[in-house]
Amino acid sequence: MQKFTRLTSVAAPLPIINIDTDMIIPKDYLKTIKRTGLGKGLFAEMRFDEEGRENPDFVLNQPAYSKAEILVAGDNFGCGSSREHAPWALLDFGIKCVISTSFADIFYNNCFKNGILPVQVSEEELEKLMDDAKRGANATLTVDLEAQTISGPDGGTIRFDIDPDRKHRLLNGIDDIGETLEKAPSIDAFEAQVKEQRPWV
């Protein structure tokens, strides 16, 4: 898993509430267990028409936002079924950070397990960030995980909260297993002690 430390990117505005995981990655793309290649299906029903042609009105199809790595989205992002393919598709497309007022719990947890930073802000803060994002190619935001801040194009700064353990994992590019392996010396020492004290176990 790649480290997430500091990201500066154009931010794509997606002011839609209740974007569920089926909208993020439709069920037709769930036939694989690989984490790569799913970017082509991201928001497929909004990005493409029935003939497979790009919808020019959809934000990620617009030239100014086609390389966006930050998504500014409406409330309750990632609701619906608990498909891990949703963060896989976002990351494969290039989205490394999603900003919203709230996230569905399972999607929120899956983001951290896959190297995506979900940032929760207030309604007022989201409105400001959405306005920034609507500036197109000038809609550059900087998300600093270490400082827990989002800096806008006008120099304004928003602070956000994050669980310290999740922050540690993202900063170091480790998942739950990697975090356990960091404690390997302590685990080995404990097992050696138990073996000495209770050799019959």
C-alpha atoms as a PDB file:
ATOM      1  CA  MET A   1       0.000   0.000   0.000  1.00  0.00           C
ATOM      2  CA  GLN A   2       1.358   3.417  -0.940  1.00  0.00           C
ATOM      3  CA  LYS A   3       1.969   6.021   1.750  1.00  0.00           C
ATOM      4  CA  PHE A   4      -0.336   9.015   1.970  1.00  0.00           C
ATOM      5  CA  THR A   5       1.469  12.062   3.323  1.00  0.00           C
ATOM      6  CA  ARG A   6       0.675  15.221   1.375  1.00  0.00           C
ATOM      7  CA  LEU A   7      -1.398  15.531  -1.797  1.00  0.00           C
ATOM      8  CA  THR A   8      -1.796  18.565  -4.053  1.00  0.00           C
ATOM      9  CA  SER A   9      -4.253  18.096  -6.896  1.00  0.00           C
ATOM     10  CA  VAL A  10      -7.168  19.477  -8.820  1.00  0.00           C
ATOM     11  CA  ALA A  11     -10.336  18.612  -6.888  1.00  0.00           C
ATOM     12  CA  ALA A  12     -13.390  17.367  -8.769  1.00  0.00           C
ATOM     13  CA  PRO A  13     -16.782  18.547  -7.447  1.00  0.00           C
ATOM     14  CA  LEU A  14     -19.489  15.878  -7.202  1.00  0.00           C
ATOM     15  CA  PRO A  15     -22.351  17.578  -5.309  1.00  0.00           C
ATOM     16  CA  ILE A  16     -24.595  14.521  -5.125  1.00  0.00           C
ATOM     17  CA  ILE A  17     -25.816  13.080  -1.817  1.00  0.00           C
ATOM     18  CA  ASN A  18     -26.131   9.361  -1.045  1.00  0.00           C
ATOM     19  CA  ILE A  19     -23.666   8.156  -3.683  1.00  0.00           C
ATOM     20  CA  ASP A  20     -23.777   4.430  -3.040  1.00  0.00           C
ATOM     21  CA  THR A  21     -21.214   1.778  -3.876  1.00  0.00           C
ATOM     22  CA  ASP A  22     -23.246   0.592  -6.871  1.00  0.00           C
ATOM     23  CA  MET A  23     -22.955   4.086  -8.354  1.00  0.00           C
ATOM     24  CA  ILE A  24     -19.223   4.099  -7.616  1.00  0.00           C
ATOM     25  CA  ILE A  25     -18.656   0.709  -9.271  1.00  0.00           C
ATOM     26  CA  PRO A  26     -21.687  -1.037 -10.841  1.00  0.00           C
ATOM     27  CA  LYS A  27     -22.220  -4.746 -10.175  1.00  0.00           C
ATOM     28  CA  ASP A  28     -21.235  -5.648 -13.747  1.00  0.00           C
ATOM     29  CA  TYR A  29     -17.610  -4.971 -12.814  1.00  0.00           C
ATOM     30  CA  LEU A  30     -17.519  -7.180  -9.709  1.00  0.00           C
ATOM     31  CA  LYS A  31     -16.423 -10.352 -11.478  1.00  0.00           C
ATOM     32  CA  THR A  32     -12.785  -9.801 -10.573  1.00  0.00           C
ATOM     33  CA  ILE A  33     -10.951 -10.022  -7.259  1.00  0.00           C
ATOM     34  CA  LYS A  34      -8.029  -7.993  -8.596  1.00  0.00           C
ATOM     35  CA  ARG A  35      -7.578  -4.444  -7.369  1.00  0.00           C
ATOM     36  CA  THR A  36      -6.430  -3.172 -10.751  1.00  0.00           C
ATOM     37  CA  GLY A  37      -8.414  -2.440 -13.892  1.00  0.00           C
ATOM     38  CA  LEU A  38     -11.539  -1.263 -12.078  1.00  0.00           C
ATOM     39  CA  GLY A  39     -10.949   2.415 -12.830  1.00  0.00           C
ATOM     40  CA  LYS A  40     -12.642   1.963 -16.193  1.00  0.00           C
ATOM     41  CA  GLY A  41     -15.879   1.141 -14.373  1.00  0.00           C
ATOM     42  CA  LEU A  42     -15.771   4.008 -11.879  1.00  0.00           C
ATOM     43  CA  PHE A  43     -19.116   5.851 -11.968  1.00  0.00           C
ATOM     44  CA  ALA A  44     -19.745   3.995 -15.249  1.00  0.00           C
ATOM     45  CA  GLU A  45     -23.472   4.685 -15.374  1.00  0.00           C
ATOM     46  CA  MET A  46     -22.813   8.420 -15.065  1.00  0.00           C
ATOM     47  CA  ARG A  47     -19.612   8.549 -17.118  1.00  0.00           C
ATOM     48  CA  PHE A  48     -20.920   6.669 -20.165  1.00  0.00           C
ATOM     49  CA  ASP A  49     -24.129   6.425 -22.163  1.00  0.00           C
ATOM     50  CA  GLU A  50     -25.760   3.158 -23.271  1.00  0.00           C
ATOM     51  CA  GLU A  51     -23.444   3.024 -26.290  1.00  0.00           C
ATOM     52  CA  GLY A  52     -20.351   3.308 -24.124  1.00  0.00           C
ATOM     53  CA  ARG A  53     -19.619   6.884 -25.159  1.00  0.00           C
ATOM     54  CA  GLU A  54     -18.367   9.386 -22.593  1.00  0.00           C
ATOM     55  CA  ASN A  55     -20.946  11.738 -21.133  1.00  0.00           C
ATOM     56  CA  PRO A  56     -19.342  15.192 -21.579  1.00  0.00           C
ATOM     57  CA  ASP A  57     -21.429  16.599 -18.722  1.00  0.00           C
ATOM     58  CA  PHE A  58     -19.999  14.249 -16.113  1.00  0.00           C
ATOM     59  CA  VAL A  59     -17.295  15.985 -14.107  1.00  0.00           C
ATOM     60  CA  LEU A  60     -14.530  13.388 -14.472  1.00  0.00           C
ATOM     61  CA  ASN A  61     -14.948  13.412 -18.257  1.00  0.00           C
ATOM     62  CA  GLN A  62     -14.252  17.137 -18.411  1.00  0.00           C
ATOM     63  CA  PRO A  63     -10.637  18.029 -19.333  1.00  0.00           C
ATOM     64  CA  ALA A  64     -10.140  20.189 -16.242  1.00  0.00           C
ATOM     65  CA  TYR A  65     -10.953  17.270 -13.928  1.00  0.00           C
ATOM     66  CA  SER A  66      -9.825  14.187 -15.848  1.00  0.00           C
ATOM     67  CA  LYS A  67      -6.645  13.901 -13.736  1.00  0.00           C
ATOM     68  CA  ALA A  68      -8.213  14.883 -10.416  1.00  0.00           C
ATOM     69  CA  GLU A  69      -6.896  12.958  -7.417  1.00  0.00           C
ATOM     70  CA  ILE A  70      -9.281  14.576  -4.932  1.00  0.00           C
ATOM     71  CA  LEU A  71     -13.065  14.203  -4.984  1.00  0.00           C
ATOM     72  CA  VAL A  72     -15.326  16.671  -3.138  1.00  0.00           C
ATOM     73  CA  ALA A  73     -18.647  14.862  -2.729  1.00  0.00           C
ATOM     74  CA  GLY A  74     -22.064  15.211  -1.152  1.00  0.00           C
ATOM     75  CA  ASP A  75     -23.252  13.780   2.154  1.00  0.00           C
ATOM     76  CA  ASN A  76     -23.323  10.046   2.967  1.00  0.00           C
ATOM     77  CA  PHE A  77     -20.741   8.998   0.397  1.00  0.00           C
ATOM     78  CA  GLY A  78     -20.197   5.254  -0.064  1.00  0.00           C
ATOM     79  CA  CYS A  79     -23.521   4.047   1.324  1.00  0.00           C
ATOM     80  CA  GLY A  80     -25.186   0.871   0.095  1.00  0.00           C
ATOM     81  CA  SER A  81     -23.600  -2.574  -0.154  1.00  0.00           C
ATOM     82  CA  SER A  82     -20.237  -3.285   1.446  1.00  0.00           C
ATOM     83  CA  ARG A  83     -18.220  -3.872  -1.730  1.00  0.00           C
ATOM     84  CA  GLU A  84     -14.479  -3.314  -1.375  1.00  0.00           C
ATOM     85  CA  HIS A  85     -14.367  -2.860  -5.145  1.00  0.00           C
ATOM     86  CA  ALA A  86     -15.575   0.724  -4.571  1.00  0.00           C
ATOM     87  CA  PRO A  87     -12.311   2.044  -3.067  1.00  0.00           C
ATOM     88  CA  TRP A  88     -10.370  -0.185  -5.483  1.00  0.00           C
ATOM     89  CA  ALA A  89     -12.086   1.540  -8.423  1.00  0.00           C
ATOM     90  CA  LEU A  90     -11.477   5.022  -7.014  1.00  0.00           C
ATOM     91  CA  LEU A  91      -7.797   4.317  -6.425  1.00  0.00           C
ATOM     92  CA  ASP A  92      -7.322   2.641  -9.802  1.00  0.00           C
ATOM     93  CA  PHE A  93      -8.814   5.711 -11.486  1.00  0.00           C
ATOM     94  CA  GLY A  94      -6.429   7.938  -9.517  1.00  0.00           C
ATOM     95  CA  ILE A  95      -8.639   9.268  -6.698  1.00  0.00           C
ATOM     96  CA  LYS A  96      -6.587   9.237  -3.483  1.00  0.00           C
ATOM     97  CA  CYS A  97      -8.730  11.448  -1.266  1.00  0.00           C
ATOM     98  CA  VAL A  98     -12.501  11.884  -0.882  1.00  0.00           C
ATOM     99  CA  ILE A  99     -13.907  14.824   1.074  1.00  0.00           C
ATOM    100  CA  SER A 100     -17.507  14.789   2.342  1.00  0.00           C
ATOM    101  CA  THR A 101     -19.628  15.641   5.362  1.00  0.00           C
ATOM    102  CA  SER A 102     -20.175  11.938   6.127  1.00  0.00           C
ATOM    103  CA  PHE A 103     -19.336   8.447   4.899  1.00  0.00           C
ATOM    104  CA  ALA A 104     -20.926   5.035   5.257  1.00  0.00           C
ATOM    105  CA  ASP A 105     -18.993   3.155   7.947  1.00  0.00           C
ATOM    106  CA  ILE A 106     -17.903   0.127   5.883  1.00  0.00           C
ATOM    107  CA  PHE A 107     -16.792   2.252   2.930  1.00  0.00           C
ATOM    108  CA  TYR A 108     -14.947   4.593   5.312  1.00  0.00           C
ATOM    109  CA  ASN A 109     -13.050   1.687   6.880  1.00  0.00           C
ATOM    110  CA  ASN A 110     -12.283   0.128   3.482  1.00  0.00           C
ATOM    111  CA  CYS A 111     -10.706   3.386   2.296  1.00  0.00           C
ATOM    112  CA  PHE A 112      -8.046   3.222   5.003  1.00  0.00           C
ATOM    113  CA  LYS A 113      -7.351  -0.430   4.223  1.00  0.00           C
ATOM    114  CA  ASN A 114      -6.626   0.505   0.592  1.00  0.00           C
ATOM    115  CA  GLY A 115      -4.655   3.737   0.885  1.00  0.00           C
ATOM    116  CA  ILE A 116      -7.425   6.289   0.305  1.00  0.00           C
ATOM    117  CA  LEU A 117      -7.886   9.171   2.747  1.00  0.00           C
ATOM    118  CA  PRO A 118     -11.569   9.942   3.481  1.00  0.00           C
ATOM    119  CA  VAL A 119     -11.858  13.383   5.079  1.00  0.00           C
ATOM    120  CA  GLN A 120     -14.961  14.412   6.973  1.00  0.00           C
ATOM    121  CA  VAL A 121     -15.739  18.143   7.193  1.00  0.00           C
ATOM    122  CA  SER A 122     -18.677  20.311   8.263  1.00  0.00           C
ATOM    123  CA  GLU A 123     -21.437  21.396   5.878  1.00  0.00           C
ATOM    124  CA  GLU A 124     -20.045  24.940   5.795  1.00  0.00           C
ATOM    125  CA  GLU A 125     -16.545  23.678   5.053  1.00  0.00           C
ATOM    126  CA  LEU A 126     -17.811  21.363   2.326  1.00  0.00           C
ATOM    127  CA  GLU A 127     -19.679  24.239   0.691  1.00  0.00           C
ATOM    128  CA  LYS A 128     -16.460  26.271   0.612  1.00  0.00           C
ATOM    129  CA  LEU A 129     -14.446  23.362  -0.796  1.00  0.00           C
ATOM    130  CA  MET A 130     -17.147  22.633  -3.375  1.00  0.00           C
ATOM    131  CA  ASP A 131     -16.962  26.253  -4.531  1.00  0.00           C
ATOM    132  CA  ASP A 132     -13.170  25.955  -4.767  1.00  0.00           C
ATOM    133  CA  ALA A 133     -13.486  22.738  -6.762  1.00  0.00           C
ATOM    134  CA  LYS A 134     -15.864  24.314  -9.272  1.00  0.00           C
ATOM    135  CA  ARG A 135     -13.056  26.594 -10.474  1.00  0.00           C
ATOM    136  CA  GLY A 136     -11.870  23.904 -12.857  1.00  0.00           C
ATOM    137  CA  ALA A 137      -8.144  23.716 -13.542  1.00  0.00           C
ATOM    138  CA  ASN A 138      -7.580  26.373 -10.846  1.00  0.00           C
ATOM    139  CA  ALA A 139      -9.322  24.191  -8.256  1.00  0.00           C
ATOM    140  CA  THR A 140      -6.148  22.971  -6.594  1.00  0.00           C
ATOM    141  CA  LEU A 141      -6.365  21.729  -3.019  1.00  0.00           C
ATOM    142  CA  THR A 142      -3.564  20.502  -0.782  1.00  0.00           C
ATOM    143  CA  VAL A 143      -4.374  17.797   1.748  1.00  0.00           C
ATOM    144  CA  ASP A 144      -1.684  17.393   4.413  1.00  0.00           C
ATOM    145  CA  LEU A 145      -2.284  14.293   6.510  1.00  0.00           C
ATOM    146  CA  GLU A 146       0.523  14.945   8.984  1.00  0.00           C
ATOM    147  CA  ALA A 147      -0.821  18.440   9.742  1.00  0.00           C
ATOM    148  CA  GLN A 148      -4.450  17.314   9.253  1.00  0.00           C
ATOM    149  CA  THR A 149      -5.232  20.309   7.062  1.00  0.00           C
ATOM    150  CA  ILE A 150      -6.794  21.125   3.686  1.00  0.00           C
ATOM    151  CA  SER A 151      -5.480  24.268   1.989  1.00  0.00           C
ATOM    152  CA  GLY A 152      -7.499  25.955  -0.745  1.00  0.00           C
ATOM    153  CA  PRO A 153      -6.454  28.012  -3.766  1.00  0.00           C
ATOM    154  CA  ASP A 154      -7.029  31.253  -1.827  1.00  0.00           C
ATOM    155  CA  GLY A 155      -4.767  30.186   1.014  1.00  0.00           C
ATOM    156  CA  GLY A 156      -7.530  29.330   3.462  1.00  0.00           C
ATOM    157  CA  THR A 157      -7.003  26.282   5.682  1.00  0.00           C
ATOM    158  CA  ILE A 158      -9.430  23.754   7.118  1.00  0.00           C
ATOM    159  CA  ARG A 159      -8.451  21.338   9.875  1.00  0.00           C
ATOM    160  CA  PHE A 160      -9.870  17.826  10.058  1.00  0.00           C
ATOM    161  CA  ASP A 161      -9.877  15.054  12.653  1.00  0.00           C
ATOM    162  CA  ILE A 162      -8.683  11.517  12.088  1.00  0.00           C
ATOM    163  CA  ASP A 163      -8.124   8.475  14.271  1.00  0.00           C
ATOM    164  CA  PRO A 164      -4.416   8.343  15.258  1.00  0.00           C
ATOM    165  CA  ASP A 165      -4.039   4.645  14.381  1.00  0.00           C
ATOM    166  CA  ARG A 166      -5.543   5.121  10.926  1.00  0.00           C
ATOM    167  CA  LYS A 167      -3.360   8.184  10.387  1.00  0.00           C
ATOM    168  CA  HIS A 168      -0.284   6.145  11.326  1.00  0.00           C
ATOM    169  CA  ARG A 169      -1.186   3.384   8.871  1.00  0.00           C
ATOM    170  CA  LEU A 170      -1.702   5.783   5.964  1.00  0.00           C
ATOM    171  CA  LEU A 171       1.440   7.813   6.683  1.00  0.00           C
ATOM    172  CA  ASN A 172       3.487   4.614   6.702  1.00  0.00           C
ATOM    173  CA  GLY A 173       1.664   2.823   3.901  1.00  0.00           C
ATOM    174  CA  ILE A 174       0.688  -0.197   5.980  1.00  0.00           C
ATOM    175  CA  ASP A 175      -2.577  -2.102   6.321  1.00  0.00           C
ATOM    176  CA  ASP A 176      -3.902  -3.941   9.392  1.00  0.00           C
ATOM    177  CA  ILE A 177      -1.536  -6.877   8.816  1.00  0.00           C
ATOM    178  CA  GLY A 178       1.408  -4.528   8.364  1.00  0.00           C
ATOM    179  CA  GLU A 179       0.571  -2.825  11.643  1.00  0.00           C
ATOM    180  CA  THR A 180       0.593  -6.215  13.391  1.00  0.00           C
ATOM    181  CA  LEU A 181       3.946  -7.072  11.805  1.00  0.00           C
ATOM    182  CA  GLU A 182       5.382  -3.844  13.250  1.00  0.00           C
ATOM    183  CA  LYS A 183       4.833  -5.444  16.659  1.00  0.00           C
ATOM    184  CA  ALA A 184       6.634  -8.659  15.664  1.00  0.00           C
ATOM    185  CA  PRO A 185       9.544  -8.181  18.135  1.00  0.00           C
ATOM    186  CA  SER A 186       7.110  -7.836  21.054  1.00  0.00           C
ATOM    187  CA  ILE A 187       5.093 -10.819  19.842  1.00  0.00           C
ATOM    188  CA  ASP A 188       8.233 -12.950  19.483  1.00  0.00           C
ATOM    189  CA  ALA A 189       9.409 -11.922  22.963  1.00  0.00           C
ATOM    190  CA  PHE A 190       6.029 -12.818  24.459  1.00  0.00           C
ATOM    191  CA  GLU A 191       5.981 -16.211  22.744  1.00  0.00           C
ATOM    192  CA  ALA A 192       9.518 -16.951  23.971  1.00  0.00           C
ATOM    193  CA  GLN A 193       8.514 -16.012  27.502  1.00  0.00           C
ATOM    194  CA  VAL A 194       5.424 -18.225  27.385  1.00  0.00           C
ATOM    195  CA  LYS A 195       7.468 -21.131  26.015  1.00  0.00           C
ATOM    196  CA  GLU A 196       9.929 -20.780  28.888  1.00  0.00           C
ATOM    197  CA  GLN A 197       7.300 -20.392  31.594  1.00  0.00           C
ATOM    198  CA  ARG A 198       4.898 -23.010  30.231  1.00  0.00           C
ATOM    199  CA  PRO A 199       6.853 -25.428  28.051  1.00  0.00           C
ATOM    200  CA  TRP A 200       3.977 -27.909  28.071  1.00  0.00           C
ATOM    201  CA  VAL A 201       1.736 -25.545  26.100  1.00  0.00           C
END
